Amino acid sequence: YFIGRLSSYLGVALQQPSCEDLIQLDSASRSF
């Protein structure tokens, strides 16, 4: 939840696309 808020904030504050994927780890649950 906090990553979601932080990602949205950085995207707006820096006028860049959302950083949501940037803050996601390359975990087993995202691979399998």
PDB file of all heavy atoms in Angstrom:
ATOM      1  N   TYR A   1       0.845  -1.201   0.000  1.00  0.00           N
ATOM      2  CA  TYR A   1       0.000   0.000   0.000  1.00  0.00           C
ATOM      3  C   TYR A   1       0.880   1.252   0.000  1.00  0.00           C
ATOM      4  O   TYR A   1       0.645   2.211  -0.745  1.00  0.00           O
ATOM      5  CB  TYR A   1      -0.895  -0.024   1.239  1.00  0.00           C
ATOM      6  CG  TYR A   1      -1.927   1.080   1.316  1.00  0.00           C
ATOM      7  CD1 TYR A   1      -3.244   0.849   0.927  1.00  0.00           C
ATOM      8  CD2 TYR A   1      -1.610   2.348   1.799  1.00  0.00           C
ATOM      9  CE1 TYR A   1      -4.209   1.844   1.015  1.00  0.00           C
ATOM     10  CE2 TYR A   1      -2.563   3.345   1.889  1.00  0.00           C
ATOM     11  CZ  TYR A   1      -3.862   3.088   1.498  1.00  0.00           C
ATOM     12  OH  TYR A   1      -4.804   4.078   1.587  1.00  0.00           O
ATOM     13  N   PHE A   2       1.917   1.222   0.824  1.00  0.00           N
ATOM     14  CA  PHE A   2       2.801   2.375   0.916  1.00  0.00           C
ATOM     15  C   PHE A   2       3.576   2.579  -0.384  1.00  0.00           C
ATOM     16  O   PHE A   2       3.773   3.707  -0.839  1.00  0.00           O
ATOM     17  CB  PHE A   2       3.769   2.197   2.085  1.00  0.00           C
ATOM     18  CG  PHE A   2       4.588   3.414   2.374  1.00  0.00           C
ATOM     19  CD1 PHE A   2       4.006   4.554   2.890  1.00  0.00           C
ATOM     20  CD2 PHE A   2       5.946   3.429   2.114  1.00  0.00           C
ATOM     21  CE1 PHE A   2       4.756   5.689   3.165  1.00  0.00           C
ATOM     22  CE2 PHE A   2       6.709   4.556   2.379  1.00  0.00           C
ATOM     23  CZ  PHE A   2       6.113   5.686   2.900  1.00  0.00           C
ATOM     24  N   ILE A   3       4.000   1.484  -0.993  1.00  0.00           N
ATOM     25  CA  ILE A   3       4.687   1.579  -2.287  1.00  0.00           C
ATOM     26  C   ILE A   3       3.764   2.202  -3.324  1.00  0.00           C
ATOM     27  O   ILE A   3       4.187   3.013  -4.161  1.00  0.00           O
ATOM     28  CB  ILE A   3       5.173   0.188  -2.746  1.00  0.00           C
ATOM     29  CG1 ILE A   3       6.376  -0.254  -1.899  1.00  0.00           C
ATOM     30  CG2 ILE A   3       5.543   0.190  -4.224  1.00  0.00           C
ATOM     31  CD1 ILE A   3       6.784  -1.685  -2.131  1.00  0.00           C
ATOM     32  N   GLY A   4       2.482   1.836  -3.289  1.00  0.00           N
ATOM     33  CA  GLY A   4       1.526   2.427  -4.217  1.00  0.00           C
ATOM     34  C   GLY A   4       1.419   3.930  -4.045  1.00  0.00           C
ATOM     35  O   GLY A   4       1.424   4.692  -5.026  1.00  0.00           O
ATOM     36  N   ARG A   5       1.337   4.397  -2.796  1.00  0.00           N
ATOM     37  CA  ARG A   5       1.264   5.831  -2.532  1.00  0.00           C
ATOM     38  C   ARG A   5       2.552   6.531  -2.962  1.00  0.00           C
ATOM     39  O   ARG A   5       2.523   7.594  -3.585  1.00  0.00           O
ATOM     40  CB  ARG A   5       1.018   6.077  -1.047  1.00  0.00           C
ATOM     41  CG  ARG A   5      -0.376   5.668  -0.562  1.00  0.00           C
ATOM     42  CD  ARG A   5      -0.517   5.928   0.941  1.00  0.00           C
ATOM     43  NE  ARG A   5      -0.149   7.305   1.249  1.00  0.00           N
ATOM     44  CZ  ARG A   5       0.617   7.658   2.282  1.00  0.00           C
ATOM     45  NH1 ARG A   5       1.119   6.741   3.086  1.00  0.00           N
ATOM     46  NH2 ARG A   5       0.893   8.933   2.496  1.00  0.00           N
ATOM     47  N   LEU A   6       3.683   5.933  -2.587  1.00  0.00           N
ATOM     48  CA  LEU A   6       4.973   6.532  -2.924  1.00  0.00           C
ATOM     49  C   LEU A   6       5.170   6.600  -4.433  1.00  0.00           C
ATOM     50  O   LEU A   6       5.642   7.615  -4.974  1.00  0.00           O
ATOM     51  CB  LEU A   6       6.097   5.723  -2.270  1.00  0.00           C
ATOM     52  CG  LEU A   6       7.539   6.132  -2.597  1.00  0.00           C
ATOM     53  CD1 LEU A   6       7.805   7.565  -2.153  1.00  0.00           C
ATOM     54  CD2 LEU A   6       8.524   5.167  -1.940  1.00  0.00           C
ATOM     55  N   SER A   7       4.802   5.535  -5.135  1.00  0.00           N
ATOM     56  CA  SER A   7       4.958   5.493  -6.590  1.00  0.00           C
ATOM     57  C   SER A   7       4.134   6.586  -7.264  1.00  0.00           C
ATOM     58  O   SER A   7       4.624   7.294  -8.149  1.00  0.00           O
ATOM     59  CB  SER A   7       4.528   4.122  -7.124  1.00  0.00           C
ATOM     60  OG  SER A   7       5.294   3.082  -6.567  1.00  0.00           O
ATOM     61  N   SER A   8       2.884   6.709  -6.839  1.00  0.00           N
ATOM     62  CA  SER A   8       2.018   7.732  -7.428  1.00  0.00           C
ATOM     63  C   SER A   8       2.555   9.128  -7.151  1.00  0.00           C
ATOM     64  O   SER A   8       2.545  10.003  -8.022  1.00  0.00           O
ATOM     65  CB  SER A   8       0.596   7.588  -6.871  1.00  0.00           C
ATOM     66  OG  SER A   8       0.052   6.334  -7.205  1.00  0.00           O
ATOM     67  N   TYR A   9       3.024   9.342  -5.943  1.00  0.00           N
ATOM     68  CA  TYR A   9       3.559  10.656  -5.567  1.00  0.00           C
ATOM     69  C   TYR A   9       4.786  11.023  -6.397  1.00  0.00           C
ATOM     70  O   TYR A   9       4.887  12.129  -6.940  1.00  0.00           O
ATOM     71  CB  TYR A   9       3.914  10.657  -4.082  1.00  0.00           C
ATOM     72  CG  TYR A   9       4.685  11.882  -3.665  1.00  0.00           C
ATOM     73  CD1 TYR A   9       4.116  13.149  -3.776  1.00  0.00           C
ATOM     74  CD2 TYR A   9       5.977  11.780  -3.155  1.00  0.00           C
ATOM     75  CE1 TYR A   9       4.823  14.287  -3.394  1.00  0.00           C
ATOM     76  CE2 TYR A   9       6.694  12.903  -2.778  1.00  0.00           C
ATOM     77  CZ  TYR A   9       6.112  14.160  -2.895  1.00  0.00           C
ATOM     78  OH  TYR A   9       6.807  15.271  -2.533  1.00  0.00           O
ATOM     79  N   LEU A  10       5.726  10.101  -6.507  1.00  0.00           N
ATOM     80  CA  LEU A  10       6.937  10.401  -7.266  1.00  0.00           C
ATOM     81  C   LEU A  10       6.620  10.645  -8.731  1.00  0.00           C
ATOM     82  O   LEU A  10       7.236  11.501  -9.382  1.00  0.00           O
ATOM     83  CB  LEU A  10       7.934   9.248  -7.132  1.00  0.00           C
ATOM     84  CG  LEU A  10       8.558   9.059  -5.740  1.00  0.00           C
ATOM     85  CD1 LEU A  10       9.476   7.844  -5.732  1.00  0.00           C
ATOM     86  CD2 LEU A  10       9.312  10.302  -5.307  1.00  0.00           C
ATOM     87  N   GLY A  11       5.657   9.887  -9.250  1.00  0.00           N
ATOM     88  CA  GLY A  11       5.286  10.081 -10.646  1.00  0.00           C
ATOM     89  C   GLY A  11       4.774  11.482 -10.911  1.00  0.00           C
ATOM     90  O   GLY A  11       5.127  12.121 -11.911  1.00  0.00           O
ATOM     91  N   VAL A  12       3.935  12.005  -9.990  1.00  0.00           N
ATOM     92  CA  VAL A  12       3.387  13.350 -10.158  1.00  0.00           C
ATOM     93  C   VAL A  12       4.428  14.409  -9.824  1.00  0.00           C
ATOM     94  O   VAL A  12       4.622  15.378 -10.568  1.00  0.00           O
ATOM     95  CB  VAL A  12       2.129  13.527  -9.276  1.00  0.00           C
ATOM     96  CG1 VAL A  12       1.663  14.970  -9.312  1.00  0.00           C
ATOM     97  CG2 VAL A  12       1.021  12.603  -9.761  1.00  0.00           C
ATOM     98  N   ALA A  13       5.115  14.230  -8.701  1.00  0.00           N
ATOM     99  CA  ALA A  13       6.062  15.249  -8.244  1.00  0.00           C
ATOM    100  C   ALA A  13       7.199  15.461  -9.235  1.00  0.00           C
ATOM    101  O   ALA A  13       7.673  16.584  -9.414  1.00  0.00           O
ATOM    102  CB  ALA A  13       6.618  14.858  -6.881  1.00  0.00           C
ATOM    103  N   LEU A  14       7.636  14.404  -9.884  1.00  0.00           N
ATOM    104  CA  LEU A  14       8.741  14.504 -10.846  1.00  0.00           C
ATOM    105  C   LEU A  14       8.247  14.563 -12.279  1.00  0.00           C
ATOM    106  O   LEU A  14       9.050  14.517 -13.218  1.00  0.00           O
ATOM    107  CB  LEU A  14       9.693  13.315 -10.667  1.00  0.00           C
ATOM    108  CG  LEU A  14      10.362  13.217  -9.283  1.00  0.00           C
ATOM    109  CD1 LEU A  14      11.211  11.953  -9.194  1.00  0.00           C
ATOM    110  CD2 LEU A  14      11.205  14.455  -9.007  1.00  0.00           C
ATOM    111  N   GLN A  15       6.908  14.614 -12.433  1.00  0.00           N
ATOM    112  CA  GLN A  15       6.297  14.688 -13.769  1.00  0.00           C
ATOM    113  C   GLN A  15       6.801  13.567 -14.665  1.00  0.00           C
ATOM    114  O   GLN A  15       7.206  13.757 -15.800  1.00  0.00           O
ATOM    115  CB  GLN A  15       6.577  16.057 -14.402  1.00  0.00           C
ATOM    116  CG  GLN A  15       5.959  17.212 -13.619  1.00  0.00           C
ATOM    117  CD  GLN A  15       6.210  18.553 -14.270  1.00  0.00           C
ATOM    118  OE1 GLN A  15       7.268  18.796 -14.830  1.00  0.00           O
ATOM    119  NE2 GLN A  15       5.214  19.430 -14.202  1.00  0.00           N
ATOM    120  N   GLN A  16       6.762  12.361 -14.112  1.00  0.00           N
ATOM    121  CA  GLN A  16       7.188  11.164 -14.822  1.00  0.00           C
ATOM    122  C   GLN A  16       6.093  10.115 -14.707  1.00  0.00           C
ATOM    123  O   GLN A  16       5.206  10.228 -13.858  1.00  0.00           O
ATOM    124  CB  GLN A  16       8.492  10.615 -14.228  1.00  0.00           C
ATOM    125  CG  GLN A  16       9.685  11.551 -14.370  1.00  0.00           C
ATOM    126  CD  GLN A  16      10.914  10.983 -13.700  1.00  0.00           C
ATOM    127  OE1 GLN A  16      10.873   9.935 -13.076  1.00  0.00           O
ATOM    128  NE2 GLN A  16      12.034  11.696 -13.823  1.00  0.00           N
ATOM    129  N   PRO A  17       6.140   9.068 -15.538  1.00  0.00           N
ATOM    130  CA  PRO A  17       5.172   7.983 -15.396  1.00  0.00           C
ATOM    131  C   PRO A  17       5.262   7.370 -14.004  1.00  0.00           C
ATOM    132  O   PRO A  17       6.276   7.498 -13.316  1.00  0.00           O
ATOM    133  CB  PRO A  17       5.594   6.978 -16.472  1.00  0.00           C
ATOM    134  CG  PRO A  17       6.359   7.783 -17.462  1.00  0.00           C
ATOM    135  CD  PRO A  17       7.049   8.859 -16.682  1.00  0.00           C
ATOM    136  N   SER A  18       4.208   6.692 -13.592  1.00  0.00           N
ATOM    137  CA  SER A  18       4.187   6.073 -12.272  1.00  0.00           C
ATOM    138  C   SER A  18       5.388   5.165 -12.076  1.00  0.00           C
ATOM    139  O   SER A  18       5.824   4.469 -12.996  1.00  0.00           O
ATOM    140  CB  SER A  18       2.902   5.253 -12.094  1.00  0.00           C
ATOM    141  OG  SER A  18       2.940   4.514 -10.890  1.00  0.00           O
ATOM    142  N   CYS A  19       5.920   5.182 -10.862  1.00  0.00           N
ATOM    143  CA  CYS A  19       7.104   4.380 -10.535  1.00  0.00           C
ATOM    144  C   CYS A  19       6.729   3.017  -9.953  1.00  0.00           C
ATOM    145  O   CYS A  19       7.568   2.342  -9.368  1.00  0.00           O
ATOM    146  CB  CYS A  19       7.978   5.122  -9.533  1.00  0.00           C
ATOM    147  SG  CYS A  19       8.533   6.735 -10.084  1.00  0.00           S
ATOM    148  N   GLU A  20       5.458   2.604 -10.073  1.00  0.00           N
ATOM    149  CA  GLU A  20       5.018   1.380  -9.410  1.00  0.00           C
ATOM    150  C   GLU A  20       5.875   0.181  -9.783  1.00  0.00           C
ATOM    151  O   GLU A  20       6.337  -0.564  -8.923  1.00  0.00           O
ATOM    152  CB  GLU A  20       3.551   1.095  -9.754  1.00  0.00           C
ATOM    153  CG  GLU A  20       3.022  -0.187  -9.129  1.00  0.00           C
ATOM    154  CD  GLU A  20       1.563  -0.417  -9.453  1.00  0.00           C
ATOM    155  OE1 GLU A  20       0.775   0.538  -9.353  1.00  0.00           O
ATOM    156  OE2 GLU A  20       1.222  -1.559  -9.799  1.00  0.00           O
ATOM    157  N   ASP A  21       6.114  -0.014 -11.084  1.00  0.00           N
ATOM    158  CA  ASP A  21       6.910  -1.163 -11.503  1.00  0.00           C
ATOM    159  C   ASP A  21       8.364  -1.025 -11.071  1.00  0.00           C
ATOM    160  O   ASP A  21       9.050  -2.025 -10.837  1.00  0.00           O
ATOM    161  CB  ASP A  21       6.832  -1.341 -13.024  1.00  0.00           C
ATOM    162  CG  ASP A  21       5.461  -1.845 -13.467  1.00  0.00           C
ATOM    163  OD1 ASP A  21       4.776  -2.473 -12.636  1.00  0.00           O
ATOM    164  OD2 ASP A  21       5.076  -1.608 -14.618  1.00  0.00           O
ATOM    165  N   LEU A  22       8.832   0.213 -10.958  1.00  0.00           N
ATOM    166  CA  LEU A  22      10.217   0.439 -10.553  1.00  0.00           C
ATOM    167  C   LEU A  22      10.476  -0.071  -9.149  1.00  0.00           C
ATOM    168  O   LEU A  22      11.560  -0.555  -8.834  1.00  0.00           O
ATOM    169  CB  LEU A  22      10.540   1.934 -10.620  1.00  0.00           C
ATOM    170  CG  LEU A  22      11.921   2.376 -10.108  1.00  0.00           C
ATOM    171  CD1 LEU A  22      13.017   1.789 -10.983  1.00  0.00           C
ATOM    172  CD2 LEU A  22      12.029   3.893 -10.057  1.00  0.00           C
ATOM    173  N   ILE A  23       9.463  -0.001  -8.266  1.00  0.00           N
ATOM    174  CA  ILE A  23       9.654  -0.367  -6.863  1.00  0.00           C
ATOM    175  C   ILE A  23       9.212  -1.804  -6.593  1.00  0.00           C
ATOM    176  O   ILE A  23       9.112  -2.229  -5.450  1.00  0.00           O
ATOM    177  CB  ILE A  23       8.912   0.630  -5.947  1.00  0.00           C
ATOM    178  CG1 ILE A  23       9.181   2.072  -6.386  1.00  0.00           C
ATOM    179  CG2 ILE A  23       9.353   0.497  -4.502  1.00  0.00           C
ATOM    180  CD1 ILE A  23       8.511   3.122  -5.535  1.00  0.00           C
ATOM    181  N   GLN A  24       8.968  -2.583  -7.611  1.00  0.00           N
ATOM    182  CA  GLN A  24       8.615  -3.982  -7.448  1.00  0.00           C
ATOM    183  C   GLN A  24       9.850  -4.860  -7.599  1.00  0.00           C
ATOM    184  O   GLN A  24      10.670  -4.665  -8.498  1.00  0.00           O
ATOM    185  CB  GLN A  24       7.553  -4.391  -8.475  1.00  0.00           C
ATOM    186  CG  GLN A  24       6.198  -3.753  -8.249  1.00  0.00           C
ATOM    187  CD  GLN A  24       5.569  -4.183  -6.943  1.00  0.00           C
ATOM    188  OE1 GLN A  24       5.558  -5.363  -6.606  1.00  0.00           O
ATOM    189  NE2 GLN A  24       5.046  -3.233  -6.198  1.00  0.00           N
ATOM    190  N   LEU A  25       9.984  -5.841  -6.725  1.00  0.00           N
ATOM    191  CA  LEU A  25      11.143  -6.722  -6.742  1.00  0.00           C
ATOM    192  C   LEU A  25      10.942  -7.866  -7.727  1.00  0.00           C
ATOM    193  O   LEU A  25       9.816  -8.269  -8.028  1.00  0.00           O
ATOM    194  CB  LEU A  25      11.387  -7.293  -5.345  1.00  0.00           C
ATOM    195  CG  LEU A  25      11.614  -6.266  -4.236  1.00  0.00           C
ATOM    196  CD1 LEU A  25      11.855  -6.980  -2.911  1.00  0.00           C
ATOM    197  CD2 LEU A  25      12.785  -5.359  -4.576  1.00  0.00           C
ATOM    198  N   ASP A  26      12.040  -8.398  -8.182  1.00  0.00           N
ATOM    199  CA  ASP A  26      12.014  -9.565  -9.067  1.00  0.00           C
ATOM    200  C   ASP A  26      11.899 -10.815  -8.205  1.00  0.00           C
ATOM    201  O   ASP A  26      12.839 -11.576  -8.037  1.00  0.00           O
ATOM    202  CB  ASP A  26      13.290  -9.602  -9.911  1.00  0.00           C
ATOM    203  CG  ASP A  26      13.239 -10.680 -10.982  1.00  0.00           C
ATOM    204  OD1 ASP A  26      12.136 -11.190 -11.249  1.00  0.00           O
ATOM    205  OD2 ASP A  26      14.297 -11.013 -11.532  1.00  0.00           O
ATOM    206  N   SER A  27      10.711 -10.999  -7.636  1.00  0.00           N
ATOM    207  CA  SER A  27      10.475 -12.098  -6.705  1.00  0.00           C
ATOM    208  C   SER A  27       9.936 -13.314  -7.432  1.00  0.00           C
ATOM    209  O   SER A  27       9.471 -13.234  -8.568  1.00  0.00           O
ATOM    210  CB  SER A  27       9.483 -11.666  -5.628  1.00  0.00           C
ATOM    211  OG  SER A  27       8.225 -11.370  -6.221  1.00  0.00           O
ATOM    212  N   ALA A  28       9.964 -14.443  -6.740  1.00  0.00           N
ATOM    213  CA  ALA A  28       9.450 -15.678  -7.330  1.00  0.00           C
ATOM    214  C   ALA A  28       7.965 -15.563  -7.648  1.00  0.00           C
ATOM    215  O   ALA A  28       7.492 -16.090  -8.656  1.00  0.00           O
ATOM    216  CB  ALA A  28       9.705 -16.853  -6.380  1.00  0.00           C
ATOM    217  N   SER A  29       7.212 -14.847  -6.810  1.00  0.00           N
ATOM    218  CA  SER A  29       5.772 -14.741  -7.020  1.00  0.00           C
ATOM    219  C   SER A  29       5.423 -13.902  -8.247  1.00  0.00           C
ATOM    220  O   SER A  29       4.327 -14.008  -8.781  1.00  0.00           O
ATOM    221  CB  SER A  29       5.098 -14.146  -5.778  1.00  0.00           C
ATOM    222  OG  SER A  29       5.599 -12.855  -5.507  1.00  0.00           O
ATOM    223  N   ARG A  30       6.343 -13.040  -8.683  1.00  0.00           N
ATOM    224  CA  ARG A  30       6.112 -12.266  -9.906  1.00  0.00           C
ATOM    225  C   ARG A  30       6.642 -12.989 -11.134  1.00  0.00           C
ATOM    226  O   ARG A  30       6.364 -12.577 -12.265  1.00  0.00           O
ATOM    227  CB  ARG A  30       6.768 -10.883  -9.786  1.00  0.00           C
ATOM    228  CG  ARG A  30       5.998  -9.940  -8.874  1.00  0.00           C
ATOM    229  CD  ARG A  30       6.716  -8.620  -8.690  1.00  0.00           C
ATOM    230  NE  ARG A  30       6.808  -7.845  -9.919  1.00  0.00           N
ATOM    231  CZ  ARG A  30       5.859  -7.020 -10.366  1.00  0.00           C
ATOM    232  NH1 ARG A  30       4.741  -6.895  -9.686  1.00  0.00           N
ATOM    233  NH2 ARG A  30       6.033  -6.324 -11.468  1.00  0.00           N
ATOM    234  N   SER A  31       7.410 -14.055 -10.924  1.00  0.00           N
ATOM    235  CA  SER A  31       7.951 -14.823 -12.036  1.00  0.00           C
ATOM    236  C   SER A  31       7.170 -16.103 -12.287  1.00  0.00           C
ATOM    237  O   SER A  31       7.046 -16.548 -13.422  1.00  0.00           O
ATOM    238  CB  SER A  31       9.420 -15.184 -11.756  1.00  0.00           C
ATOM    239  OG  SER A  31      10.205 -14.030 -11.545  1.00  0.00           O
ATOM    240  N   PHE A  32       6.647 -16.690 -11.209  1.00  0.00           N
ATOM    241  CA  PHE A  32       5.941 -17.972 -11.311  1.00  0.00           C
ATOM    242  C   PHE A  32       4.539 -17.840 -10.737  1.00  0.00           C
ATOM    243  O   PHE A  32       4.311 -17.081  -9.796  1.00  0.00           O
ATOM    244  CB  PHE A  32       6.696 -19.066 -10.552  1.00  0.00           C
ATOM    245  CG  PHE A  32       8.143 -19.173 -10.927  1.00  0.00           C
ATOM    246  CD1 PHE A  32       9.128 -19.111  -9.957  1.00  0.00           C
ATOM    247  CD2 PHE A  32       8.530 -19.341 -12.245  1.00  0.00           C
ATOM    248  CE1 PHE A  32      10.465 -19.214 -10.286  1.00  0.00           C
ATOM    249  CE2 PHE A  32       9.862 -19.445 -12.591  1.00  0.00           C
ATOM    250  CZ  PHE A  32      10.836 -19.375 -11.610  1.00  0.00           C
TER     251      PHE A  32
END
